[in-house]
Amino acid sequence: MTYLRRAVKYFIQMTLIFALIIAVLMLSGMVSKDVAVAFQHGWTSVWWILAIFVVMALVYPFFGYQKRKINVNGDPALMRDGIVEALKPRGYVLESDADGVLKFHLSSPVNRAFRFWEDTITLTPVLGGWEAEGLSRDLVRVAGAIYHHFSDHGND
């Protein structure tokens, strides 16, 4: 269900961006307001573009979301405050802490809206560190922030 929800949100996001760009081009007079003139094959081109967006939206959740291991040693319960401290400058706030599993989301409502509220980073304690799950592009920053926070403080 999470996969389908992410695919639908990504399709909507791509379609809105496409529609906004085309609307700006049409309203500014750079492109004809007639779809048959603006696109080489008229509405057929628009349907093909939407079909491509469907394919991209179905593929993106496989590559756009992942799990990553963060190798830091220590008691996960004692690391909680350090993790919150490390992610705060990156714009993340703690959403929940249930059974040692930490869930963070972006603090900026604008950034959350641009990501269609698919900005959650989940940290699960595992042997030898933490397992982070979320958007691939965010996991790099989150993993680096946590690793450097604990290695800079001598807790590695």
C-alpha atoms as a PDB file:
ATOM      1  CA  MET A   1       0.000   0.000   0.000  1.00  0.00           C
ATOM      2  CA  THR A   2       2.878   2.383   0.774  1.00  0.00           C
ATOM      3  CA  TYR A   3       4.340   1.724  -2.669  1.00  0.00           C
ATOM      4  CA  LEU A   4       1.059   2.536  -4.429  1.00  0.00           C
ATOM      5  CA  ARG A   5       0.525   5.691  -2.336  1.00  0.00           C
ATOM      6  CA  ARG A   6       4.035   6.921  -3.191  1.00  0.00           C
ATOM      7  CA  ALA A   7       3.553   6.152  -6.895  1.00  0.00           C
ATOM      8  CA  VAL A   8       0.247   8.057  -7.022  1.00  0.00           C
ATOM      9  CA  LYS A   9       1.743  11.042  -5.185  1.00  0.00           C
ATOM     10  CA  TYR A  10       4.734  11.106  -7.514  1.00  0.00           C
ATOM     11  CA  PHE A  11       2.454  10.951 -10.574  1.00  0.00           C
ATOM     12  CA  ILE A  12       0.392  13.857  -9.242  1.00  0.00           C
ATOM     13  CA  GLN A  13       3.523  15.853  -8.502  1.00  0.00           C
ATOM     14  CA  MET A  14       4.991  15.326 -11.993  1.00  0.00           C
ATOM     15  CA  THR A  15       1.664  16.130 -13.652  1.00  0.00           C
ATOM     16  CA  LEU A  16       1.217  19.343 -11.652  1.00  0.00           C
ATOM     17  CA  ILE A  17       4.740  20.520 -12.461  1.00  0.00           C
ATOM     18  CA  PHE A  18       4.236  19.719 -16.149  1.00  0.00           C
ATOM     19  CA  ALA A  19       0.877  21.507 -16.227  1.00  0.00           C
ATOM     20  CA  LEU A  20       2.334  24.539 -14.456  1.00  0.00           C
ATOM     21  CA  ILE A  21       5.235  24.814 -16.909  1.00  0.00           C
ATOM     22  CA  ILE A  22       2.933  24.476 -19.923  1.00  0.00           C
ATOM     23  CA  ALA A  23       0.476  27.008 -18.448  1.00  0.00           C
ATOM     24  CA  VAL A  24       3.248  29.558 -17.881  1.00  0.00           C
ATOM     25  CA  LEU A  25       4.543  29.043 -21.414  1.00  0.00           C
ATOM     26  CA  MET A  26       1.050  29.409 -22.870  1.00  0.00           C
ATOM     27  CA  LEU A  27       0.111  32.442 -20.768  1.00  0.00           C
ATOM     28  CA  SER A  28       3.385  34.203 -21.584  1.00  0.00           C
ATOM     29  CA  GLY A  29       2.755  33.682 -25.304  1.00  0.00           C
ATOM     30  CA  MET A  30       5.868  31.570 -25.862  1.00  0.00           C
ATOM     31  CA  VAL A  31       3.695  28.607 -26.875  1.00  0.00           C
ATOM     32  CA  SER A  32       0.347  28.586 -28.611  1.00  0.00           C
ATOM     33  CA  LYS A  33      -2.680  28.143 -26.382  1.00  0.00           C
ATOM     34  CA  ASP A  34      -4.036  25.635 -28.887  1.00  0.00           C
ATOM     35  CA  VAL A  35      -2.931  22.130 -27.836  1.00  0.00           C
ATOM     36  CA  ALA A  36      -2.940  20.956 -31.466  1.00  0.00           C
ATOM     37  CA  VAL A  37      -0.330  23.614 -32.265  1.00  0.00           C
ATOM     38  CA  ALA A  38       1.638  23.487 -28.996  1.00  0.00           C
ATOM     39  CA  PHE A  39       2.254  19.730 -29.261  1.00  0.00           C
ATOM     40  CA  GLN A  40       3.303  18.027 -32.464  1.00  0.00           C
ATOM     41  CA  HIS A  41       0.473  15.455 -32.332  1.00  0.00           C
ATOM     42  CA  GLY A  42      -1.997  17.474 -30.255  1.00  0.00           C
ATOM     43  CA  TRP A  43      -3.842  15.632 -27.497  1.00  0.00           C
ATOM     44  CA  THR A  44      -2.237  12.336 -28.505  1.00  0.00           C
ATOM     45  CA  SER A  45       1.103  13.767 -27.365  1.00  0.00           C
ATOM     46  CA  VAL A  46      -0.412  14.830 -24.048  1.00  0.00           C
ATOM     47  CA  TRP A  47      -1.728  11.312 -23.440  1.00  0.00           C
ATOM     48  CA  TRP A  48       1.676   9.828 -24.316  1.00  0.00           C
ATOM     49  CA  ILE A  49       3.366  12.208 -21.883  1.00  0.00           C
ATOM     50  CA  LEU A  50       0.919  11.177 -19.142  1.00  0.00           C
ATOM     51  CA  ALA A  51       1.584   7.508 -19.949  1.00  0.00           C
ATOM     52  CA  ILE A  52       5.312   8.129 -19.541  1.00  0.00           C
ATOM     53  CA  PHE A  53       4.596   9.824 -16.206  1.00  0.00           C
ATOM     54  CA  VAL A  54       2.664   6.720 -15.098  1.00  0.00           C
ATOM     55  CA  VAL A  55       5.637   4.495 -15.918  1.00  0.00           C
ATOM     56  CA  MET A  56       8.051   6.830 -14.129  1.00  0.00           C
ATOM     57  CA  ALA A  57       5.761   7.020 -11.103  1.00  0.00           C
ATOM     58  CA  LEU A  58       5.559   3.229 -10.909  1.00  0.00           C
ATOM     59  CA  VAL A  59       9.344   2.862 -11.109  1.00  0.00           C
ATOM     60  CA  TYR A  60      10.375   5.722  -8.806  1.00  0.00           C
ATOM     61  CA  PRO A  61       9.395   4.180  -5.439  1.00  0.00           C
ATOM     62  CA  PHE A  62      11.786   1.286  -6.092  1.00  0.00           C
ATOM     63  CA  PHE A  63      14.745   3.638  -6.486  1.00  0.00           C
ATOM     64  CA  GLY A  64      13.639   6.738  -4.606  1.00  0.00           C
ATOM     65  CA  TYR A  65      13.205   5.024  -1.231  1.00  0.00           C
ATOM     66  CA  GLN A  66      15.678   2.742   0.444  1.00  0.00           C
ATOM     67  CA  LYS A  67      17.163   1.438   3.662  1.00  0.00           C
ATOM     68  CA  ARG A  68      20.683   2.258   4.788  1.00  0.00           C
ATOM     69  CA  LYS A  69      22.744   1.048   7.737  1.00  0.00           C
ATOM     70  CA  ILE A  70      24.445   3.645   9.922  1.00  0.00           C
ATOM     71  CA  ASN A  71      27.407   2.115  11.749  1.00  0.00           C
ATOM     72  CA  VAL A  72      27.662   3.725  15.185  1.00  0.00           C
ATOM     73  CA  ASN A  73      28.364   1.854  18.398  1.00  0.00           C
ATOM     74  CA  GLY A  74      26.580   2.413  21.655  1.00  0.00           C
ATOM     75  CA  ASP A  75      23.352   1.892  23.503  1.00  0.00           C
ATOM     76  CA  PRO A  76      20.468   3.012  21.237  1.00  0.00           C
ATOM     77  CA  ALA A  77      18.517   4.373  24.207  1.00  0.00           C
ATOM     78  CA  LEU A  78      21.435   6.626  25.137  1.00  0.00           C
ATOM     79  CA  MET A  79      21.935   7.750  21.536  1.00  0.00           C
ATOM     80  CA  ARG A  80      18.388   9.073  21.099  1.00  0.00           C
ATOM     81  CA  ASP A  81      19.136  12.635  22.252  1.00  0.00           C
ATOM     82  CA  GLY A  82      22.313  12.771  20.154  1.00  0.00           C
ATOM     83  CA  ILE A  83      20.403  11.681  17.056  1.00  0.00           C
ATOM     84  CA  VAL A  84      17.717  14.324  17.657  1.00  0.00           C
ATOM     85  CA  GLU A  85      20.494  16.902  18.099  1.00  0.00           C
ATOM     86  CA  ALA A  86      22.283  15.773  14.914  1.00  0.00           C
ATOM     87  CA  LEU A  87      19.146  15.934  12.747  1.00  0.00           C
ATOM     88  CA  LYS A  88      17.788  19.245  14.038  1.00  0.00           C
ATOM     89  CA  PRO A  89      20.200  21.404  11.939  1.00  0.00           C
ATOM     90  CA  ARG A  90      19.217  19.305   8.897  1.00  0.00           C
ATOM     91  CA  GLY A  91      15.600  20.407   9.366  1.00  0.00           C
ATOM     92  CA  TYR A  92      14.207  17.230  10.949  1.00  0.00           C
ATOM     93  CA  VAL A  93      12.108  16.973  14.097  1.00  0.00           C
ATOM     94  CA  LEU A  94      11.218  13.867  16.071  1.00  0.00           C
ATOM     95  CA  GLU A  95       7.718  12.687  15.222  1.00  0.00           C
ATOM     96  CA  SER A  96       7.544   9.586  17.408  1.00  0.00           C
ATOM     97  CA  ASP A  97       9.631   7.271  19.544  1.00  0.00           C
ATOM     98  CA  ALA A  98       7.886   3.909  19.877  1.00  0.00           C
ATOM     99  CA  ASP A  99       9.827   0.909  21.188  1.00  0.00           C
ATOM    100  CA  GLY A 100      13.151   2.541  20.297  1.00  0.00           C
ATOM    101  CA  VAL A 101      12.130   3.175  16.668  1.00  0.00           C
ATOM    102  CA  LEU A 102      12.584   6.874  15.925  1.00  0.00           C
ATOM    103  CA  LYS A 103      10.524   8.606  13.241  1.00  0.00           C
ATOM    104  CA  PHE A 104      11.505  12.047  11.999  1.00  0.00           C
ATOM    105  CA  HIS A 105       9.928  14.422   9.514  1.00  0.00           C
ATOM    106  CA  LEU A 106      10.900  17.781   8.064  1.00  0.00           C
ATOM    107  CA  SER A 107      10.071  20.726  10.268  1.00  0.00           C
ATOM    108  CA  SER A 108       9.247  23.079   7.379  1.00  0.00           C
ATOM    109  CA  PRO A 109       5.625  22.792   6.211  1.00  0.00           C
ATOM    110  CA  VAL A 110       6.671  24.083   2.778  1.00  0.00           C
ATOM    111  CA  ASN A 111       9.316  21.352   2.334  1.00  0.00           C
ATOM    112  CA  ARG A 112       6.842  18.743   3.551  1.00  0.00           C
ATOM    113  CA  ALA A 113       4.219  19.926   1.053  1.00  0.00           C
ATOM    114  CA  PHE A 114       6.724  19.878  -1.841  1.00  0.00           C
ATOM    115  CA  ARG A 115       7.416  16.244  -0.982  1.00  0.00           C
ATOM    116  CA  PHE A 116       3.720  15.435  -0.569  1.00  0.00           C
ATOM    117  CA  TRP A 117       4.354  14.481   3.077  1.00  0.00           C
ATOM    118  CA  GLU A 118       6.650  11.611   2.023  1.00  0.00           C
ATOM    119  CA  ASP A 119       9.529  13.002   4.075  1.00  0.00           C
ATOM    120  CA  THR A 120       9.561  10.561   6.995  1.00  0.00           C
ATOM    121  CA  ILE A 121      12.890   9.070   8.046  1.00  0.00           C
ATOM    122  CA  THR A 122      12.587   5.975  10.252  1.00  0.00           C
ATOM    123  CA  LEU A 123      15.544   4.892  12.386  1.00  0.00           C
ATOM    124  CA  THR A 124      15.447   1.358  13.787  1.00  0.00           C
ATOM    125  CA  PRO A 125      18.149   0.101  16.162  1.00  0.00           C
ATOM    126  CA  VAL A 126      20.035  -2.917  14.776  1.00  0.00           C
ATOM    127  CA  LEU A 127      23.163  -4.726  15.808  1.00  0.00           C
ATOM    128  CA  GLY A 128      26.087  -2.359  15.273  1.00  0.00           C
ATOM    129  CA  GLY A 129      24.098   0.818  14.739  1.00  0.00           C
ATOM    130  CA  TRP A 130      20.863   1.931  13.145  1.00  0.00           C
ATOM    131  CA  GLU A 131      18.901   1.169  10.015  1.00  0.00           C
ATOM    132  CA  ALA A 132      17.517   4.277   8.346  1.00  0.00           C
ATOM    133  CA  GLU A 133      14.626   4.130   5.900  1.00  0.00           C
ATOM    134  CA  GLY A 134      13.279   6.949   3.749  1.00  0.00           C
ATOM    135  CA  LEU A 135      13.949   9.008   0.637  1.00  0.00           C
ATOM    136  CA  SER A 136      17.303   8.011  -0.857  1.00  0.00           C
ATOM    137  CA  ARG A 137      18.518  11.578  -1.262  1.00  0.00           C
ATOM    138  CA  ASP A 138      17.756  12.364   2.382  1.00  0.00           C
ATOM    139  CA  LEU A 139      19.316   9.192   3.771  1.00  0.00           C
ATOM    140  CA  VAL A 140      22.770  10.266   2.648  1.00  0.00           C
ATOM    141  CA  ARG A 141      22.522  13.493   4.660  1.00  0.00           C
ATOM    142  CA  VAL A 142      20.872  11.830   7.654  1.00  0.00           C
ATOM    143  CA  ALA A 143      23.365   8.958   7.821  1.00  0.00           C
ATOM    144  CA  GLY A 144      26.280  11.366   7.495  1.00  0.00           C
ATOM    145  CA  ALA A 145      24.914  13.685  10.176  1.00  0.00           C
ATOM    146  CA  ILE A 146      24.407  10.863  12.677  1.00  0.00           C
ATOM    147  CA  TYR A 147      27.745   9.208  11.942  1.00  0.00           C
ATOM    148  CA  HIS A 148      29.683  12.470  12.204  1.00  0.00           C
ATOM    149  CA  HIS A 149      27.839  13.570  15.320  1.00  0.00           C
ATOM    150  CA  PHE A 150      28.861  10.442  17.190  1.00  0.00           C
ATOM    151  CA  SER A 151      32.383  10.228  15.747  1.00  0.00           C
ATOM    152  CA  ASP A 152      33.000  13.939  16.548  1.00  0.00           C
ATOM    153  CA  HIS A 153      31.868  13.370  20.129  1.00  0.00           C
ATOM    154  CA  GLY A 154      34.114  10.340  20.614  1.00  0.00           C
ATOM    155  CA  ASN A 155      31.233   7.885  20.856  1.00  0.00           C
ATOM    156  CA  ASP A 156      32.202   5.852  17.808  1.00  0.00           C
END
